[in-house]
Amino acid sequence: MSATDTAAGLVLGVDGGGSRCTAVVARCAAAPDSEPVVLGRGHGGAANPRVAGRDTACSSISAAIDAAFADAGLAPQPVASACLGLAGVGLADERDAIRDWAGRAGIARRVVVVSDGLVLFADASAEPWGVALVAGTGSLALARRRDAPLTADAACDRCGGWGPILGDEGSGHALGSATLKAALRAGDGRGPDTLLGIAVLRRFNAETPADLVARIHSADVGRREIADVARETLAAADAGDAVAVALVRAAAGDLAAHVLALATRNGFAASGYPLRLAGGLLTGSGTLRRLVIDALVAAGMPPESVTVVADPAFAAARLAVVQPAPRA
């Protein structure tokens, strides 16, 4: 989008994952290369169309956008450009379906739908190349080579992001599931004692392992609730619980493996590379981030810089700004 088109215009950025999504409405400044100014921010539920279902994802995105306009004191209205950075849109038909919905909903004159990993390269912390690692409810890593223009259709190399059945190693859901299994093994006497047994019983208001099983299989417990169990694991690891420490180290190793595969495949090892980290699991735990970096250093592929991208929705808004001008 040109400076003329955006001088008095609005853009939307959306970051959507398996548990929640965030939208920002921002105004583009008249001066070239000026940063968008966030006017409002809103939140919604699960926005991964592959896992939550397309209708649920679209409803969550719409709710987040409406809340962002309300926060800005504005009525919902079509903006000049919108970038929706979503988990679960790795295939072209998935992106097309969401873009078609956004067009019918009148969100913007131009809408681009991209992976939630791609928007991280628009955060302006470093050149838009290297590796972006996302670990929230799910997990995904993307790599971009140096000197490639950053656009919505920019080529990326991908690792992981295959969902809870086929992948998502190192994710909140994977760590939460492993935690529940470890707690039940300890209760059976098949595994070592751990603080996690008491922690997960308390989280699900269960008195016994049998009660816990019933709660886990109830209708109101889904991927988000399982992923949230990882908070107990991280807290127990910080308290020195040996089982929790082992689980968190394993998750860090799985996440580092994503980065190592991409760094090796793209020839980043010799010169180092920028590494961007995002997703609630990674941004919420300094311990997990440190263990991921330690694993990369131990493998001989340390990044040259590490950035925690705390506001991917704003990065999506920045990516919306750099897209070609919308057609009238």
Protein backbone atom coordinates (compact mmCIF):
# COMPACT_ATOMS: atom_id res chain seq x y z
CA MET A 1 0.00 0.00 0.00
CA SER A 2 1.41 3.41 -0.96
CA ALA A 3 1.80 6.33 1.45
CA THR A 4 -0.98 8.15 -0.43
CA ASP A 5 -3.40 5.28 0.07
CA THR A 6 -2.62 4.96 3.75
CA ALA A 7 -2.28 8.66 4.64
CA ALA A 8 -5.67 8.82 6.34
CA GLY A 9 -6.47 5.11 6.26
CA LEU A 10 -6.79 2.31 8.72
CA VAL A 11 -5.29 -1.16 8.69
CA LEU A 12 -6.03 -4.30 10.66
CA GLY A 13 -3.63 -6.89 11.97
CA VAL A 14 -4.79 -10.21 13.40
CA ASP A 15 -2.76 -12.88 15.14
CA GLY A 16 -4.75 -16.10 15.58
CA GLY A 17 -3.79 -19.40 17.17
CA GLY A 18 -5.28 -22.55 18.55
CA SER A 19 -6.58 -20.99 21.76
CA ARG A 20 -7.13 -17.28 21.14
CA CYS A 21 -6.65 -14.43 18.72
CA THR A 22 -5.79 -10.75 18.95
CA ALA A 23 -6.68 -7.94 16.55
CA VAL A 24 -5.34 -4.41 16.33
CA VAL A 25 -6.77 -1.52 14.36
CA ALA A 26 -4.10 1.01 13.46
CA ARG A 27 -3.82 4.26 11.55
CA CYS A 28 -1.11 4.66 8.94
CA ALA A 29 0.91 7.86 9.17
CA ALA A 30 1.32 10.10 6.15
CA ALA A 31 5.13 10.07 6.23
CA PRO A 32 6.80 7.23 4.36
CA ASP A 33 8.35 4.51 6.57
CA SER A 34 6.37 5.72 9.60
CA GLU A 35 5.07 3.10 11.99
CA PRO A 36 1.33 2.42 12.14
CA VAL A 37 -0.25 3.86 15.29
CA VAL A 38 -2.39 1.38 17.21
CA LEU A 39 -5.81 2.82 18.00
CA GLY A 40 -7.48 -0.20 19.54
CA ARG A 41 -6.96 -3.82 20.46
CA GLY A 42 -9.40 -6.71 20.86
CA HIS A 43 -9.36 -10.41 21.66
CA GLY A 44 -11.30 -13.47 20.56
CA GLY A 45 -11.26 -17.25 20.91
CA ALA A 46 -9.62 -20.03 18.91
CA ALA A 47 -8.76 -18.97 15.36
CA ASN A 48 -7.03 -22.01 13.86
CA PRO A 49 -9.50 -23.07 11.15
CA ARG A 50 -7.97 -26.52 10.72
CA VAL A 51 -8.41 -27.46 14.38
CA ALA A 52 -11.23 -25.25 15.68
CA GLY A 53 -13.20 -25.36 12.44
CA ARG A 54 -13.60 -22.56 9.92
CA ASP A 55 -16.84 -21.19 11.35
CA THR A 56 -15.39 -20.97 14.85
CA ALA A 57 -12.19 -19.38 13.59
CA CYS A 58 -14.06 -16.76 11.58
CA SER A 59 -16.35 -15.98 14.51
CA SER A 60 -13.31 -15.52 16.78
CA ILE A 61 -11.60 -13.22 14.28
CA SER A 62 -14.75 -11.17 13.82
CA ALA A 63 -15.18 -10.82 17.59
CA ALA A 64 -11.57 -9.69 18.03
CA ILE A 65 -11.89 -7.12 15.24
CA ASP A 66 -15.16 -5.73 16.64
CA ALA A 67 -13.53 -5.47 20.08
CA ALA A 68 -10.54 -3.64 18.59
CA PHE A 69 -12.81 -1.05 16.96
CA ALA A 70 -14.73 -0.67 20.22
CA ASP A 71 -11.45 -0.16 22.09
CA ALA A 72 -10.54 2.53 19.54
CA GLY A 73 -13.90 4.25 20.00
CA LEU A 74 -14.78 3.60 16.37
CA ALA A 75 -17.64 1.84 14.63
CA PRO A 76 -16.58 -1.31 12.76
CA GLN A 77 -15.81 -0.35 9.17
CA PRO A 78 -13.93 -1.64 6.13
CA VAL A 79 -10.26 -0.64 6.36
CA ALA A 80 -7.78 -0.14 3.57
CA SER A 81 -5.83 -3.34 4.19
CA ALA A 82 -5.87 -6.24 6.62
CA CYS A 83 -3.41 -9.00 7.34
CA LEU A 84 -4.67 -12.11 9.11
CA GLY A 85 -1.78 -14.14 10.49
CA LEU A 86 -3.30 -17.50 11.47
CA ALA A 87 -2.25 -20.95 12.56
CA GLY A 88 -3.66 -23.74 10.41
CA VAL A 89 -3.56 -22.00 7.02
CA GLY A 90 -0.58 -23.80 5.53
CA LEU A 91 -2.48 -24.83 2.40
CA ALA A 92 -3.66 -22.43 -0.30
CA ASP A 93 -7.28 -23.57 -0.14
CA GLU A 94 -7.37 -22.85 3.59
CA ARG A 95 -6.07 -19.34 3.05
CA ASP A 96 -8.47 -18.79 0.16
CA ALA A 97 -11.46 -19.86 2.26
CA ILE A 98 -10.62 -17.41 5.04
CA ARG A 99 -9.92 -14.63 2.55
CA ASP A 100 -13.26 -15.27 0.83
CA TRP A 101 -15.03 -15.06 4.19
CA ALA A 102 -13.22 -11.81 5.02
CA GLY A 103 -14.26 -10.39 1.66
CA ARG A 104 -17.90 -11.26 2.27
CA ALA A 105 -17.68 -9.79 5.77
CA GLY A 106 -16.34 -6.50 4.37
CA ILE A 107 -13.34 -6.36 6.68
CA ALA A 108 -11.06 -4.54 4.25
CA ARG A 109 -10.59 -3.46 0.66
CA ARG A 110 -7.67 -5.87 0.53
CA VAL A 111 -7.17 -8.87 2.78
CA VAL A 112 -4.11 -11.09 2.95
CA VAL A 113 -4.10 -14.35 4.90
CA VAL A 114 -0.74 -15.75 5.95
CA SER A 115 0.78 -18.15 8.44
CA ASP A 116 1.10 -16.84 11.97
CA GLY A 117 4.84 -17.46 11.64
CA LEU A 118 5.28 -15.18 8.62
CA VAL A 119 4.01 -12.05 10.38
CA LEU A 120 6.84 -12.34 12.93
CA PHE A 121 9.32 -11.27 10.26
CA ALA A 122 7.48 -7.92 10.05
CA ASP A 123 8.24 -6.98 13.67
CA ALA A 124 11.13 -4.64 12.66
CA SER A 125 13.47 -6.00 15.35
CA ALA A 126 15.97 -7.19 12.74
CA GLU A 127 16.17 -7.79 9.01
CA PRO A 128 13.19 -9.90 7.87
CA TRP A 129 15.06 -13.18 7.51
CA GLY A 130 16.28 -16.04 9.66
CA VAL A 131 14.02 -18.34 11.69
CA ALA A 132 10.73 -17.64 13.44
CA LEU A 133 9.68 -20.18 16.08
CA VAL A 134 6.12 -20.22 17.44
CA ALA A 135 5.10 -22.30 20.45
CA GLY A 136 1.66 -21.72 21.89
CA THR A 137 -1.14 -24.27 21.82
CA GLY A 138 0.65 -25.67 18.75
CA SER A 139 4.14 -25.21 17.34
CA LEU A 140 5.65 -24.14 14.02
CA ALA A 141 8.90 -22.77 12.63
CA LEU A 142 9.49 -20.81 9.42
CA ALA A 143 12.69 -19.67 7.74
CA ARG A 144 13.34 -16.89 5.23
CA ARG A 145 16.56 -16.28 3.38
CA ARG A 146 18.32 -12.97 3.43
CA ASP A 147 17.51 -10.16 0.97
CA ALA A 148 14.10 -11.59 -0.02
CA PRO A 149 11.33 -8.95 -0.01
CA LEU A 150 8.79 -9.44 2.74
CA THR A 151 5.29 -9.73 1.27
CA ALA A 152 2.26 -11.86 2.02
CA ASP A 153 3.24 -14.33 -0.68
CA ALA A 154 6.91 -14.41 0.31
CA ALA A 155 8.53 -17.81 0.03
CA CYS A 156 9.21 -19.51 3.37
CA ASP A 157 10.70 -22.82 4.41
CA ARG A 158 8.57 -24.59 6.97
CA CYS A 159 9.15 -27.12 9.73
CA GLY A 160 6.43 -28.59 11.96
CA GLY A 161 2.98 -27.16 12.46
CA TRP A 162 1.29 -30.45 11.64
CA GLY A 163 -1.33 -30.31 14.39
CA PRO A 164 -1.85 -32.24 17.62
CA ILE A 165 -2.16 -35.69 16.02
CA LEU A 166 0.75 -35.55 13.58
CA GLY A 167 3.07 -33.05 15.23
CA ASP A 168 3.11 -29.87 17.32
CA GLU A 169 6.10 -31.16 19.26
CA GLY A 170 7.26 -28.80 22.00
CA SER A 171 3.90 -27.01 22.04
CA GLY A 172 1.70 -26.21 24.99
CA HIS A 173 -0.66 -29.02 24.01
CA ALA A 174 2.18 -31.53 23.72
CA LEU A 175 3.71 -30.44 27.04
CA GLY A 176 0.32 -30.42 28.77
CA SER A 177 -0.47 -33.91 27.48
CA ALA A 178 2.92 -35.22 28.60
CA THR A 179 2.35 -33.65 32.01
CA LEU A 180 -1.00 -35.35 32.50
CA LYS A 181 0.49 -38.71 31.53
CA ALA A 182 3.43 -38.22 33.90
CA ALA A 183 1.05 -37.34 36.73
CA LEU A 184 -1.01 -40.47 36.16
CA ARG A 185 2.09 -42.66 35.90
CA ALA A 186 3.22 -41.31 39.26
CA GLY A 187 -0.20 -42.02 40.72
CA ASP A 188 0.01 -45.60 39.45
CA GLY A 189 3.50 -46.08 40.85
CA ARG A 190 4.87 -46.53 37.32
CA GLY A 191 6.77 -43.26 37.44
CA PRO A 192 8.65 -41.09 39.92
CA ASP A 193 6.86 -38.89 42.43
CA THR A 194 6.21 -35.38 41.20
CA LEU A 195 4.51 -32.17 42.24
CA LEU A 196 2.55 -32.41 39.00
CA GLY A 197 0.09 -34.93 40.42
CA ILE A 198 -1.28 -32.51 42.96
CA ALA A 199 -1.05 -29.60 40.50
CA VAL A 200 -3.17 -31.19 37.78
CA LEU A 201 -5.75 -32.51 40.24
CA ARG A 202 -6.12 -29.00 41.63
CA ARG A 203 -6.33 -27.44 38.15
CA PHE A 204 -9.23 -29.68 37.14
CA ASN A 205 -10.94 -29.72 40.54
CA ALA A 206 -10.41 -33.47 40.79
CA GLU A 207 -9.80 -35.46 43.97
CA THR A 208 -8.45 -38.69 42.47
CA PRO A 209 -6.84 -39.81 39.19
CA ALA A 210 -10.16 -41.41 38.23
CA ASP A 211 -11.88 -38.04 38.76
CA LEU A 212 -9.19 -36.43 36.61
CA VAL A 213 -9.85 -38.84 33.74
CA ALA A 214 -13.53 -37.97 33.83
CA ARG A 215 -12.79 -34.25 33.83
CA ILE A 216 -10.29 -34.48 30.96
CA HIS A 217 -12.88 -36.24 28.80
CA SER A 218 -15.69 -33.83 29.61
CA ALA A 219 -17.16 -31.61 26.91
CA ASP A 220 -15.71 -28.39 28.35
CA VAL A 221 -12.07 -29.55 28.16
CA GLY A 222 -10.37 -29.13 24.81
CA ARG A 223 -6.98 -28.33 23.32
CA ARG A 224 -6.76 -24.98 25.08
CA GLU A 225 -7.38 -26.48 28.52
CA ILE A 226 -4.82 -29.23 27.89
CA ALA A 227 -2.28 -26.67 26.67
CA ASP A 228 -2.86 -24.57 29.77
CA VAL A 229 -1.63 -27.50 31.89
CA ALA A 230 1.85 -26.61 30.64
CA ARG A 231 1.78 -23.64 33.04
CA GLU A 232 1.85 -26.11 35.92
CA THR A 233 4.82 -27.89 34.35
CA LEU A 234 6.82 -24.71 33.93
CA ALA A 235 6.06 -23.62 37.50
CA ALA A 236 7.03 -27.03 38.89
CA ALA A 237 10.24 -27.02 36.82
CA ASP A 238 11.17 -23.62 38.22
CA ALA A 239 10.57 -25.10 41.69
CA GLY A 240 13.04 -27.88 40.93
CA ASP A 241 10.67 -30.81 40.38
CA ALA A 242 12.74 -33.42 38.53
CA VAL A 243 9.89 -34.78 36.41
CA ALA A 244 8.80 -31.29 35.34
CA VAL A 245 12.40 -30.30 34.57
CA ALA A 246 12.75 -33.36 32.31
CA LEU A 247 9.49 -32.56 30.51
CA VAL A 248 10.43 -28.93 29.91
CA ARG A 249 13.89 -29.93 28.67
CA ALA A 250 12.32 -32.38 26.27
CA ALA A 251 9.95 -29.69 24.96
CA ALA A 252 12.88 -27.30 24.51
CA GLY A 253 14.76 -29.98 22.60
CA ASP A 254 11.79 -30.54 20.32
CA LEU A 255 11.49 -26.82 19.62
CA ALA A 256 15.22 -26.44 19.02
CA ALA A 257 15.03 -29.33 16.54
CA HIS A 258 12.64 -27.26 14.41
CA VAL A 259 15.13 -24.40 14.33
CA LEU A 260 18.12 -26.66 13.68
CA ALA A 261 16.41 -28.33 10.72
CA LEU A 262 15.67 -24.98 9.09
CA ALA A 263 19.05 -23.40 9.88
CA THR A 264 20.85 -26.40 8.39
CA ARG A 265 18.65 -26.63 5.32
CA ASN A 266 19.03 -22.92 4.57
CA GLY A 267 22.75 -22.66 5.25
CA PHE A 268 22.42 -20.32 8.24
CA ALA A 269 24.99 -22.08 10.44
CA ALA A 270 28.11 -20.38 9.09
CA SER A 271 27.05 -16.78 9.64
CA GLY A 272 24.41 -17.08 12.36
CA TYR A 273 20.84 -15.94 11.90
CA PRO A 274 18.16 -13.82 13.59
CA LEU A 275 15.80 -15.92 15.69
CA ARG A 276 12.32 -14.69 16.55
CA LEU A 277 10.30 -16.38 19.29
CA ALA A 278 6.54 -16.09 19.74
CA GLY A 279 3.51 -17.90 21.09
CA GLY A 280 2.20 -17.93 24.64
CA LEU A 281 4.33 -20.87 25.78
CA LEU A 282 7.61 -19.31 24.68
CA THR A 283 6.85 -15.70 25.54
CA GLY A 284 5.57 -16.72 28.96
CA SER A 285 8.60 -18.72 30.11
CA GLY A 286 12.14 -17.42 30.35
CA THR A 287 13.22 -20.90 31.41
CA LEU A 288 11.90 -22.51 28.23
CA ARG A 289 13.46 -19.82 26.05
CA ARG A 290 16.84 -20.29 27.76
CA LEU A 291 16.70 -24.06 27.28
CA VAL A 292 15.89 -23.66 23.58
CA ILE A 293 18.86 -21.35 23.08
CA ASP A 294 21.10 -23.65 25.15
CA ALA A 295 20.14 -26.53 22.86
CA LEU A 296 21.00 -24.49 19.76
CA VAL A 297 24.35 -23.47 21.24
CA ALA A 298 25.12 -27.07 22.19
CA ALA A 299 24.36 -28.14 18.61
CA GLY A 300 26.82 -25.56 17.26
CA MET A 301 24.14 -23.38 15.63
CA PRO A 302 23.59 -20.42 17.93
CA PRO A 303 21.52 -17.52 16.58
CA GLU A 304 23.22 -14.15 16.18
CA SER A 305 20.23 -12.39 17.73
CA VAL A 306 17.13 -13.47 19.63
CA THR A 307 13.91 -11.43 19.74
CA VAL A 308 10.76 -12.21 21.67
CA VAL A 309 7.91 -10.95 19.50
CA ALA A 310 5.41 -9.94 22.14
CA ASP A 311 2.89 -8.31 19.78
CA PRO A 312 2.40 -10.40 16.63
CA ALA A 313 -0.91 -8.65 15.89
CA PHE A 314 0.95 -5.36 15.50
CA ALA A 315 3.50 -7.12 13.28
CA ALA A 316 0.55 -8.29 11.16
CA ALA A 317 -0.64 -4.68 10.91
CA ARG A 318 2.85 -3.68 9.72
CA LEU A 319 2.70 -6.43 7.11
CA ALA A 320 -0.70 -5.14 5.98
CA VAL A 321 0.88 -1.74 5.33
CA VAL A 322 3.56 -3.08 2.97
CA GLN A 323 1.09 -4.94 0.72
CA PRO A 324 0.25 -3.53 -2.72
CA ALA A 325 -2.49 -0.93 -2.89
CA PRO A 326 -6.01 -2.40 -2.75
CA ARG A 327 -8.05 -2.37 -5.90
CA ALA A 328 -10.87 0.14 -5.97
